[in-house]
């Protein structure tokens, strides 16, 4: 009989330990740790939970983790030289979203396990179901083309009955532990992901999930989500540390053994971290974070960990009632439309450029300055750090003689953009001075730079990349920190680069005094 041990689990973050605490030592929440009894499975039982199922599909040689299973395999078969030309990288599978492919490093690598995490309702399941529809349409078309090509050859060779037995079926398997089949189909119809070779399944049993993947051998498998699947071979509540670890291990085993790419949805805790044990992120190949403000339609996809590509790429998506659409050029999302005059803009606005991954994104800062009737003037911000704003107001008063200390200040960005990078300081100060003096800044003018407490304009990283993006979007005048060490900025096209060294230079160049 399996040995039973008493464990304590935090229902908020998934922390587990052998001792009870009133306050979780990991997330700091009170009253979230509860006791449960975990029955540890034997190695034979653990092997039967995942590898035995796969062995029934033709993996008897390496199906068991015991020494007997390894004895049937030659040691030379387990090792290959790094120069072996037969170890060629497999062709990546395109998701149907160029933004998604770029974040993954060019597409989905066969046999890779990708963990998709995000807040509830941000659109994880919708994105993966649309991806499943795109991949199903692609592999379905490829199979039809291959079958038509083989039919002509089979007529000559006379072996058409055996030509497709060993080929991988061109299907995509979507397994959900949160929705019924009718609910999944209803969502697939709404977002236009209906494909004949898109197979749907609804189950929360780990053995059933592994059996479906091993027997069907799909071109892509999606499991939604890791916290809802549980194994009957170990104790613990679904979503707990023991269950999540067991589910992840079994799914990774079958994905690697069958060379099947697997997309795994992961829930997050209140502080935004992935629920369950930290080892889950170490086990998978790719960890993607799907972010977005529920009040806006903008969604950002980042790769926190990627064994097959970079981790500094960002994909932009737009959430709508018909599903998720990729935004190939997100520049217009963070900027307002033009006004009545071509180069005119309302007073109190200025554009800067931030770096998000490898992308340079324009951020429009809008400010409103009004007389205050309160003893302590109000400072309301959206997308701008409040403490940073207080510092910039003091620097603006001390070094540019623009007094906003007794005014109510409202500072915001467009469409949920974030202007918290120091490179946005120059645009925030320019927008505040513009709102205070009621002198608008031309829409073709951008400001990039950091403001120090002494009123100096300091350089920021990758400024040349920001300048090129500004020129591409049609900005003709860019305020930047003065180049140091005798260096000069590369001027793309007819762009006028104005170098400033102090806050007084900024006010003078923009004629805001």
Protein backbone atom coordinates (compact mmCIF):
# COMPACT_ATOMS: atom_id res chain seq x y z
CA UNK A 1 0.00 0.00 0.00
CA UNK A 2 1.24 3.50 -0.82
CA UNK A 3 2.70 5.46 2.00
CA UNK A 4 0.61 8.42 3.10
CA UNK A 5 2.06 11.71 4.26
CA UNK A 6 0.46 14.88 5.53
CA UNK A 7 1.09 18.01 3.46
CA UNK A 8 -0.06 21.61 3.72
CA UNK A 9 -1.09 23.49 0.57
CA UNK A 10 -1.77 27.17 -0.08
CA UNK A 11 -4.96 27.55 -2.11
CA UNK A 12 -3.84 30.94 -3.40
CA UNK A 13 -0.36 30.34 -4.83
CA UNK A 14 0.05 26.56 -4.67
CA UNK A 15 2.86 26.54 -2.08
CA UNK A 16 3.21 23.23 -0.27
CA UNK A 17 5.12 22.22 2.84
CA UNK A 18 5.16 19.88 5.75
CA UNK A 19 4.24 22.52 8.36
CA UNK A 20 1.16 24.68 8.80
CA UNK A 21 1.45 28.48 8.77
CA UNK A 22 -1.19 31.05 9.45
CA UNK A 23 0.33 33.19 6.72
CA UNK A 24 1.66 31.68 3.50
CA UNK A 25 5.47 32.15 3.37
CA UNK A 26 5.31 32.45 -0.42
CA UNK A 27 2.47 34.85 -1.27
CA UNK A 28 1.86 36.35 2.19
CA UNK A 29 -1.90 35.64 2.26
CA UNK A 30 -3.56 34.79 5.57
CA UNK A 31 -5.71 31.70 6.17
CA UNK A 32 -5.08 30.07 2.79
CA UNK A 33 -3.04 27.04 3.92
CA UNK A 34 -5.00 23.82 4.36
CA UNK A 35 -3.97 20.28 5.18
CA UNK A 36 -4.34 17.40 2.75
CA UNK A 37 -3.02 13.85 2.64
CA UNK A 38 -0.96 12.85 -0.35
CA UNK A 39 -0.55 9.22 -1.38
CA UNK A 40 2.76 8.95 -3.16
CA UNK A 41 2.58 6.62 -6.14
CA UNK A 42 5.20 3.93 -6.68
CA UNK A 43 7.50 4.18 -9.72
CA UNK A 44 5.56 1.40 -11.45
CA UNK A 45 2.27 3.18 -10.93
CA UNK A 46 3.76 6.47 -12.08
CA UNK A 47 5.04 4.84 -15.24
CA UNK A 48 1.62 3.40 -15.89
CA UNK A 49 0.02 6.82 -15.62
CA UNK A 50 1.77 8.14 -18.68
CA UNK A 51 4.40 6.01 -20.36
CA UNK A 52 2.39 2.77 -20.28
CA UNK A 53 -0.38 4.38 -22.28
CA UNK A 54 2.11 5.60 -24.83
CA UNK A 55 3.76 2.19 -24.93
CA UNK A 56 0.50 0.71 -26.10
CA UNK A 57 0.81 2.91 -29.19
CA UNK A 58 4.11 1.36 -30.21
CA UNK A 59 6.65 2.50 -27.61
CA UNK A 60 7.36 -0.72 -25.79
CA UNK A 61 11.10 -0.29 -26.27
CA UNK A 62 11.37 2.87 -24.18
CA UNK A 63 8.00 2.97 -22.52
CA UNK A 64 9.11 2.31 -18.96
CA UNK A 65 11.48 4.23 -16.79
CA UNK A 66 12.74 1.06 -15.10
CA UNK A 67 16.03 -0.64 -15.81
CA UNK A 68 14.24 -3.47 -17.61
CA UNK A 69 12.80 -1.02 -20.12
CA UNK A 70 16.19 0.57 -20.76
CA UNK A 71 17.85 -2.79 -21.17
CA UNK A 72 16.02 -3.40 -24.45
CA UNK A 73 17.65 -0.30 -25.97
CA UNK A 74 21.26 -0.19 -27.04
CA UNK A 75 23.31 2.56 -25.43
CA UNK A 76 24.52 3.61 -28.86
CA UNK A 77 20.91 4.29 -29.86
CA UNK A 78 20.56 6.70 -26.94
CA UNK A 79 23.51 8.84 -28.01
CA UNK A 80 24.34 10.65 -31.22
CA UNK A 81 27.32 12.76 -32.19
CA UNK A 82 26.74 16.49 -32.43
CA UNK A 83 27.95 16.36 -36.04
CA UNK A 84 25.43 13.68 -37.02
CA UNK A 85 23.66 15.01 -40.13
CA UNK A 86 20.55 12.93 -39.42
CA UNK A 87 19.76 15.17 -36.44
CA UNK A 88 18.19 17.88 -38.56
CA UNK A 89 15.83 20.41 -36.94
CA UNK A 90 12.19 19.67 -37.66
CA UNK A 91 10.11 22.10 -39.66
CA UNK A 92 8.17 24.50 -37.48
CA UNK A 93 4.38 24.62 -37.51
CA UNK A 94 2.91 28.04 -38.25
CA UNK A 95 0.13 29.13 -35.92
CA UNK A 96 -1.70 31.29 -38.45
CA UNK A 97 -0.66 34.44 -36.55
CA UNK A 98 2.58 36.06 -37.67
CA UNK A 99 2.74 37.82 -34.29
CA UNK A 100 2.48 34.50 -32.45
CA UNK A 101 5.08 32.89 -34.71
CA UNK A 102 7.55 35.71 -34.10
CA UNK A 103 7.19 35.42 -30.32
CA UNK A 104 7.83 31.66 -30.55
CA UNK A 105 10.89 32.20 -32.73
CA UNK A 106 9.33 31.28 -36.08
CA UNK A 107 6.56 28.85 -35.18
CA UNK A 108 5.86 25.80 -33.05
CA UNK A 109 8.65 23.24 -32.85
CA UNK A 110 7.39 19.63 -33.10
CA UNK A 111 7.55 17.97 -29.69
CA UNK A 112 7.72 21.30 -27.85
CA UNK A 113 5.59 21.90 -24.75
CA UNK A 114 4.39 25.52 -24.58
CA UNK A 115 2.77 26.92 -21.46
CA UNK A 116 0.34 29.80 -21.99
CA UNK A 117 -0.45 31.81 -18.84
CA UNK A 118 -2.60 34.86 -18.28
CA UNK A 119 -5.31 36.50 -16.22
CA UNK A 120 -8.86 35.05 -16.30
CA UNK A 121 -10.80 36.36 -19.28
CA UNK A 122 -7.78 37.79 -21.08
CA UNK A 123 -8.36 35.46 -24.07
CA UNK A 124 -6.00 32.48 -23.63
CA UNK A 125 -8.55 29.87 -24.67
CA UNK A 126 -9.79 32.00 -27.56
CA UNK A 127 -6.28 32.50 -28.91
CA UNK A 128 -5.45 28.80 -28.69
CA UNK A 129 -8.76 27.71 -30.24
CA UNK A 130 -8.17 30.08 -33.17
CA UNK A 131 -4.64 28.71 -33.44
CA UNK A 132 -6.07 25.19 -33.50
CA UNK A 133 -8.42 26.18 -36.33
CA UNK A 134 -5.61 27.71 -38.38
CA UNK A 135 -3.30 24.71 -37.92
CA UNK A 136 -6.14 22.29 -38.70
CA UNK A 137 -6.88 24.11 -41.95
CA UNK A 138 -3.20 24.12 -42.91
CA UNK A 139 -2.46 20.46 -42.21
CA UNK A 140 -5.79 19.46 -43.73
CA UNK A 141 -4.94 21.20 -47.00
CA UNK A 142 -1.46 19.66 -46.95
CA UNK A 143 -2.89 16.18 -46.44
CA UNK A 144 -5.33 16.60 -49.33
CA UNK A 145 -2.49 17.71 -51.59
CA UNK A 146 -0.28 14.82 -50.51
CA UNK A 147 -3.08 12.31 -50.96
CA UNK A 148 -3.81 13.53 -54.47
CA UNK A 149 -0.13 13.23 -55.35
CA UNK A 150 0.11 9.71 -53.94
CA UNK A 151 -3.02 8.50 -55.68
CA UNK A 152 -1.37 8.89 -59.05
CA UNK A 153 1.67 6.92 -57.91
CA UNK A 154 -0.38 4.21 -56.24
CA UNK A 155 -2.11 3.47 -59.53
CA UNK A 156 1.27 2.57 -60.98
CA UNK A 157 2.67 0.65 -58.03
CA UNK A 158 -0.54 -1.02 -56.89
CA UNK A 159 0.17 -0.45 -53.17
CA UNK A 160 -2.38 2.25 -52.42
CA UNK A 161 -3.91 0.28 -49.58
CA UNK A 162 -0.73 0.51 -47.46
CA UNK A 163 0.56 3.95 -48.45
CA UNK A 164 -0.94 5.96 -45.58
CA UNK A 165 -0.95 3.58 -42.63
CA UNK A 166 2.18 4.92 -40.96
CA UNK A 167 1.55 8.62 -41.67
CA UNK A 168 0.53 11.02 -38.90
CA UNK A 169 -3.16 11.92 -39.22
CA UNK A 170 -3.66 15.53 -40.20
CA UNK A 171 -5.75 16.45 -37.18
CA UNK A 172 -5.61 18.89 -34.28
CA UNK A 173 -6.81 17.82 -30.83
CA UNK A 174 -8.31 20.36 -28.42
CA UNK A 175 -8.92 18.99 -24.93
CA UNK A 176 -10.75 21.13 -22.38
CA UNK A 177 -11.27 20.45 -18.71
CA UNK A 178 -13.26 23.65 -18.23
CA UNK A 179 -15.95 23.50 -20.93
CA UNK A 180 -18.27 20.91 -22.39
CA UNK A 181 -18.13 19.87 -26.03
CA UNK A 182 -21.19 21.98 -26.87
CA UNK A 183 -19.61 25.05 -25.27
CA UNK A 184 -16.32 24.58 -27.13
CA UNK A 185 -18.16 24.14 -30.43
CA UNK A 186 -20.23 27.26 -29.80
CA UNK A 187 -17.07 29.32 -29.26
CA UNK A 188 -15.41 27.77 -32.30
CA UNK A 189 -18.38 28.81 -34.44
CA UNK A 190 -18.26 32.35 -33.06
CA UNK A 191 -14.58 32.87 -33.87
CA UNK A 192 -14.63 30.97 -37.18
CA UNK A 193 -12.44 28.03 -36.13
CA UNK A 194 -14.70 25.26 -37.44
CA UNK A 195 -12.65 22.62 -39.24
CA UNK A 196 -13.51 19.01 -40.01
CA UNK A 197 -10.15 17.74 -38.74
CA UNK A 198 -10.33 19.80 -35.51
CA UNK A 199 -11.15 17.21 -32.84
CA UNK A 200 -12.72 18.34 -29.56
CA UNK A 201 -12.67 16.50 -26.23
CA UNK A 202 -13.89 17.36 -22.76
CA UNK A 203 -12.37 15.49 -19.81
CA UNK A 204 -10.51 16.12 -16.57
CA UNK A 205 -8.92 12.67 -16.20
CA UNK A 206 -5.19 12.55 -16.91
CA UNK A 207 -5.19 8.95 -18.14
CA UNK A 208 -7.91 9.79 -20.66
CA UNK A 209 -6.01 12.85 -21.89
CA UNK A 210 -2.77 10.92 -22.37
CA UNK A 211 -4.60 8.07 -24.11
CA UNK A 212 -6.32 10.46 -26.53
CA UNK A 213 -3.02 12.13 -27.46
CA UNK A 214 -1.10 8.85 -27.79
CA UNK A 215 -3.74 7.13 -29.91
CA UNK A 216 -4.74 10.06 -32.12
CA UNK A 217 -1.18 11.39 -32.64
CA UNK A 218 -2.40 14.84 -33.73
CA UNK A 219 -0.33 17.44 -35.52
CA UNK A 220 -1.01 19.70 -32.53
CA UNK A 221 -2.49 19.02 -29.09
CA UNK A 222 -3.97 21.67 -26.80
CA UNK A 223 -4.87 21.04 -23.15
CA UNK A 224 -6.95 23.70 -21.38
CA UNK A 225 -5.89 23.76 -18.61
CA UNK A 226 -3.19 22.12 -16.44
CA UNK A 227 -4.98 23.07 -13.21
CA UNK A 228 -8.24 21.32 -14.17
CA UNK A 229 -6.71 17.95 -15.13
CA UNK A 230 -6.11 15.49 -12.29
CA UNK A 231 -4.69 12.02 -11.86
CA UNK A 232 -6.40 9.28 -9.85
CA UNK A 233 -3.01 7.75 -9.03
CA UNK A 234 -2.00 10.50 -6.60
CA UNK A 235 -3.93 12.36 -3.94
CA UNK A 236 -4.36 16.09 -3.79
CA UNK A 237 -6.88 18.59 -5.05
CA UNK A 238 -6.92 19.52 -8.77
CA UNK A 239 -4.61 22.47 -9.27
CA UNK A 240 -2.48 21.59 -6.26
CA UNK A 241 1.26 21.23 -6.42
CA UNK A 242 1.23 17.41 -6.55
CA UNK A 243 -1.46 17.17 -9.19
CA UNK A 244 -0.01 19.89 -11.43
CA UNK A 245 3.43 18.30 -11.28
CA UNK A 246 2.02 14.87 -12.13
CA UNK A 247 -0.08 16.25 -15.00
CA UNK A 248 2.80 18.20 -16.47
CA UNK A 249 5.19 15.25 -16.25
CA UNK A 250 2.78 12.85 -17.96
CA UNK A 251 1.89 15.29 -20.74
CA UNK A 252 5.53 16.15 -21.39
CA UNK A 253 6.38 12.43 -21.56
CA UNK A 254 3.83 11.69 -24.27
CA UNK A 255 4.61 14.89 -26.20
CA UNK A 256 8.34 14.20 -26.32
CA UNK A 257 7.97 10.48 -27.05
CA UNK A 258 5.48 10.98 -29.88
CA UNK A 259 7.06 14.23 -31.15
CA UNK A 260 3.71 16.00 -30.77
CA UNK A 261 3.68 19.77 -30.06
CA UNK A 262 1.60 20.55 -26.98
CA UNK A 263 0.04 23.87 -25.95
CA UNK A 264 -0.78 23.89 -22.24
CA UNK A 265 -2.88 26.57 -20.56
CA UNK A 266 -1.84 27.64 -17.07
CA UNK A 267 -3.78 29.69 -14.55
CA UNK A 268 -2.22 32.57 -12.64
CA UNK A 269 -2.54 33.68 -9.03
CA UNK A 270 -3.64 37.04 -7.73
CA UNK A 271 -0.15 38.51 -8.05
CA UNK A 272 0.15 37.39 -11.68
CA UNK A 273 2.52 34.43 -11.19
CA UNK A 274 1.72 31.01 -12.66
CA UNK A 275 -0.27 28.85 -10.24
CA UNK A 276 1.20 25.59 -9.06
CA UNK A 277 4.79 24.59 -8.36
CA UNK A 278 7.65 26.60 -9.78
CA UNK A 279 8.99 23.41 -11.34
CA UNK A 280 6.19 23.61 -13.92
CA UNK A 281 7.96 26.49 -15.65
CA UNK A 282 11.24 24.56 -15.60
CA UNK A 283 9.71 21.45 -17.15
CA UNK A 284 8.15 23.06 -20.23
CA UNK A 285 10.09 24.38 -23.22
CA UNK A 286 8.33 27.73 -23.67
CA UNK A 287 6.48 29.94 -21.20
CA UNK A 288 4.27 32.62 -22.78
CA UNK A 289 2.53 35.36 -20.83
CA UNK A 290 -0.70 36.74 -22.35
CA UNK A 291 -1.32 40.19 -20.91
CA UNK A 292 -3.99 42.80 -21.33
CA UNK A 293 -6.13 45.34 -19.58
CA UNK A 294 -9.75 44.11 -19.30
CA UNK A 295 -10.92 47.65 -20.02
CA UNK A 296 -9.15 47.77 -23.40
CA UNK A 297 -8.99 45.44 -26.40
CA UNK A 298 -5.19 45.43 -26.58
CA UNK A 299 -3.46 42.12 -25.75
CA UNK A 300 0.30 41.55 -25.55
CA UNK A 301 1.99 38.17 -25.84
CA UNK A 302 5.48 37.77 -24.35
CA UNK A 303 7.82 34.80 -24.16
CA UNK A 304 9.18 34.62 -20.61
CA UNK A 305 11.14 31.46 -21.43
CA UNK A 306 11.93 30.08 -24.86
CA UNK A 307 14.33 27.25 -25.63
CA UNK A 308 13.86 27.69 -29.37
CA UNK A 309 13.93 31.46 -29.85
CA UNK A 310 14.34 34.90 -28.27
CA UNK A 311 12.58 36.09 -25.14
CA UNK A 312 12.50 39.79 -26.04
CA UNK A 313 9.81 39.67 -28.72
CA UNK A 314 6.30 41.03 -28.13
CA UNK A 315 3.18 40.15 -30.12
CA UNK A 316 0.23 42.53 -30.30
CA UNK A 317 -3.38 41.34 -30.61
CA UNK A 318 -6.79 42.99 -30.64
CA UNK A 319 -9.66 41.33 -28.74
CA UNK A 320 -13.12 41.60 -30.25
CA UNK A 321 -16.44 39.80 -30.14
CA UNK A 322 -15.45 37.71 -33.14
CA UNK A 323 -12.21 36.48 -31.57
CA UNK A 324 -8.65 37.72 -31.56
CA UNK A 325 -6.95 39.52 -34.44
CA UNK A 326 -3.24 40.20 -34.70
CA UNK A 327 -2.02 43.78 -34.95
CA UNK A 328 0.98 43.81 -37.26
CA UNK A 329 1.53 47.56 -36.91
CA UNK A 330 0.55 48.57 -33.37
CA UNK A 331 1.74 52.16 -33.78
CA UNK A 332 -1.74 53.55 -34.33
CA UNK A 333 -3.12 51.92 -31.18
CA UNK A 334 -1.29 54.26 -28.80
CA UNK A 335 -1.88 57.52 -30.69
CA UNK A 336 -4.99 59.60 -31.21
CA UNK A 337 -6.27 60.72 -34.58
CA UNK A 338 -5.27 64.03 -36.12
CA UNK A 339 -7.26 67.23 -35.65
CA UNK A 340 -8.55 69.83 -38.08
CA UNK A 341 -5.10 71.00 -39.23
CA UNK A 342 -2.55 68.59 -40.67
CA UNK A 343 0.23 69.40 -38.21
CA UNK A 344 -1.91 70.68 -35.35
CA UNK A 345 -2.68 68.98 -32.08
CA UNK A 346 -4.50 69.99 -28.90
CA UNK A 347 -2.42 71.65 -26.25
CA UNK A 348 -1.10 69.24 -23.66
CA UNK A 349 -0.10 66.31 -25.89
CA UNK A 350 3.29 64.98 -26.89
CA UNK A 351 4.56 61.69 -28.37
CA UNK A 352 7.48 59.60 -27.14
CA UNK A 353 8.82 56.16 -28.09
CA UNK A 354 9.29 53.24 -25.72
CA UNK A 355 11.13 49.96 -26.17
CA UNK A 356 9.13 46.80 -25.54
CA UNK A 357 11.23 43.76 -26.37
CA UNK A 358 12.70 44.39 -29.79
CA UNK A 359 9.91 46.78 -30.74
CA UNK A 360 9.80 50.54 -30.51
CA UNK A 361 6.26 51.71 -29.85
CA UNK A 362 4.93 55.28 -29.96
CA UNK A 363 3.22 56.48 -26.79
CA UNK A 364 1.11 59.63 -26.79
CA UNK A 365 1.00 61.44 -23.46
CA UNK A 366 -2.03 63.64 -22.80
CA UNK A 367 -2.16 66.10 -19.93
CA UNK A 368 -4.76 68.44 -18.46
CA UNK A 369 -3.86 71.30 -16.12
CA UNK A 370 -6.63 73.06 -14.17
CA UNK A 371 -6.86 75.37 -11.19
CA UNK A 372 -7.24 73.46 -7.95
CA UNK A 373 -9.93 74.12 -5.33
CA UNK A 374 -8.47 71.58 -2.93
CA UNK A 375 -5.92 72.20 -0.18
CA UNK A 376 -3.77 69.47 -1.72
CA UNK A 377 -3.86 69.61 -5.54
CA UNK A 378 -4.88 66.38 -7.23
CA UNK A 379 -2.52 64.21 -9.27
CA UNK A 380 -4.39 61.62 -11.39
CA UNK A 381 -2.42 59.36 -13.71
CA UNK A 382 -3.13 56.51 -16.11
CA UNK A 383 -0.15 54.71 -17.61
CA UNK A 384 2.30 57.08 -15.89
CA UNK A 385 4.00 56.54 -12.53
CA UNK A 386 2.59 58.98 -9.95
CA UNK A 387 5.88 59.35 -8.07
CA UNK A 388 7.70 60.05 -11.32
CA UNK A 389 5.14 62.71 -12.17
CA UNK A 390 5.65 64.46 -8.82
CA UNK A 391 9.40 64.58 -9.44
CA UNK A 392 9.00 65.96 -12.97
CA UNK A 393 6.63 68.69 -11.75
CA UNK A 394 9.21 69.80 -9.18
CA UNK A 395 12.03 69.76 -11.77
CA UNK A 396 9.86 71.68 -14.22
CA UNK A 397 9.25 74.39 -11.63
CA UNK A 398 12.86 74.61 -10.47
CA UNK A 399 14.70 74.55 -13.81
CA UNK A 400 12.14 75.77 -16.38
CA UNK A 401 10.14 78.18 -14.17
CA UNK A 402 6.81 76.55 -15.07
CA UNK A 403 4.82 76.53 -11.82
CA UNK A 404 2.35 73.63 -11.60
CA UNK A 405 2.68 72.96 -7.88
CA UNK A 406 -0.76 74.41 -7.06
CA UNK A 407 -2.57 72.98 -10.08
CA UNK A 408 -4.65 69.83 -10.54
CA UNK A 409 -2.80 67.59 -12.98
CA UNK A 410 -4.32 64.78 -15.04
CA UNK A 411 -1.88 62.70 -17.09
CA UNK A 412 -2.88 59.74 -19.25
CA UNK A 413 -1.79 57.62 -22.19
CA UNK A 414 -3.81 56.22 -25.11
CA UNK A 415 -5.29 52.70 -25.27
CA UNK A 416 -3.64 51.40 -22.12
CA UNK A 417 -0.08 52.23 -23.18
CA UNK A 418 2.59 52.46 -20.50
CA UNK A 419 4.78 55.56 -20.31
CA UNK A 420 6.69 54.44 -17.21
CA UNK A 421 10.04 54.15 -18.97
CA UNK A 422 12.47 57.01 -18.17
CA UNK A 423 12.69 57.75 -21.91
CA UNK A 424 9.14 59.19 -21.68
CA UNK A 425 10.16 61.91 -19.20
CA UNK A 426 10.82 64.44 -21.94
CA UNK A 427 7.40 63.92 -23.51
CA UNK A 428 5.62 64.17 -20.14
CA UNK A 429 7.38 67.43 -19.28
CA UNK A 430 6.69 68.86 -22.73
CA UNK A 431 3.00 67.91 -22.52
CA UNK A 432 2.69 69.50 -19.06
CA UNK A 433 4.32 72.74 -20.24
CA UNK A 434 2.11 72.74 -23.32
CA UNK A 435 -1.05 72.33 -21.25
CA UNK A 436 0.04 75.04 -18.81
CA UNK A 437 0.80 77.60 -21.53
CA UNK A 438 -1.96 76.48 -23.93
CA UNK A 439 0.58 76.24 -26.74
CA UNK A 440 0.20 73.04 -28.77
CA UNK A 441 3.11 70.91 -29.94
CA UNK A 442 3.01 69.95 -33.67
CA UNK A 443 1.94 66.37 -34.28
CA UNK A 444 5.09 65.73 -36.29
CA UNK A 445 7.28 66.42 -33.23
CA UNK A 446 8.39 63.68 -30.83
CA UNK A 447 10.45 63.90 -27.63
CA UNK A 448 12.73 61.14 -26.30
CA UNK A 449 14.88 61.45 -23.20
CA UNK A 450 15.24 61.11 -19.45
CA UNK A 451 15.05 64.09 -17.08
CA UNK A 452 17.38 64.20 -14.08
CA UNK A 453 16.85 66.11 -10.84
CA UNK A 454 19.31 68.75 -12.04
CA UNK A 455 17.20 69.49 -15.11
CA UNK A 456 19.55 67.76 -17.52
CA UNK A 457 18.31 65.61 -20.38
CA UNK A 458 20.06 62.25 -20.19
CA UNK A 459 20.54 59.61 -22.94
CA UNK A 460 18.38 56.48 -23.03
CA UNK A 461 19.14 52.99 -24.39
CA UNK A 462 18.64 52.18 -28.08
CA UNK A 463 17.78 55.74 -29.00
CA UNK A 464 18.79 55.27 -32.63
CA UNK A 465 16.21 52.50 -32.95
CA UNK A 466 13.55 54.86 -31.61
CA UNK A 467 14.59 57.58 -34.05
CA UNK A 468 14.25 55.24 -37.03
CA UNK A 469 10.77 54.16 -35.91
CA UNK A 470 9.72 57.78 -35.46
CA UNK A 471 10.95 58.61 -38.97
CA UNK A 472 9.07 55.63 -40.39
CA UNK A 473 5.82 56.87 -38.84
CA UNK A 474 6.19 60.33 -40.38
CA UNK A 475 7.69 62.39 -37.54
CA UNK A 476 9.89 65.13 -38.98
CA UNK A 477 11.26 66.74 -35.78
CA UNK A 478 12.62 64.72 -32.86
CA UNK A 479 14.00 66.12 -29.60
CA UNK A 480 16.75 63.87 -28.23
CA UNK A 481 19.50 64.19 -25.57
CA UNK A 482 22.72 65.75 -26.76
CA UNK A 483 25.12 63.10 -28.06
CA UNK A 484 28.22 62.58 -25.95
CA UNK A 485 31.79 61.65 -26.73
CA UNK A 486 31.77 63.27 -30.15
CA UNK A 487 29.16 60.86 -31.49
CA UNK A 488 26.45 61.87 -33.91
CA UNK A 489 22.97 60.52 -34.46
CA UNK A 490 22.15 58.92 -37.75
CA UNK A 491 19.48 61.04 -39.44
CA UNK A 492 17.03 58.91 -41.45
CA UNK A 493 15.58 60.76 -44.43
CA UNK A 494 14.63 64.39 -43.96
CA UNK A 495 14.09 64.12 -40.20
CA UNK A 496 15.34 67.06 -38.16
CA UNK A 497 17.07 65.87 -34.98
CA UNK A 498 17.17 68.54 -32.28
CA UNK A 499 19.71 67.84 -29.53
CA UNK A 500 18.92 69.32 -26.13
CA UNK A 501 20.98 69.19 -22.96
CA UNK A 502 18.69 70.79 -20.36
CA UNK A 503 15.04 71.33 -19.59
CA UNK A 504 15.40 75.01 -20.46
CA UNK A 505 16.50 73.99 -23.97
CA UNK A 506 13.36 71.89 -24.34
CA UNK A 507 11.04 74.73 -23.38
CA UNK A 508 12.87 77.08 -25.71
CA UNK A 509 12.92 74.72 -28.71
CA UNK A 510 9.20 73.97 -28.37
CA UNK A 511 8.39 77.66 -27.70
CA UNK A 512 6.49 76.84 -24.52
CA UNK A 513 7.80 79.66 -22.34
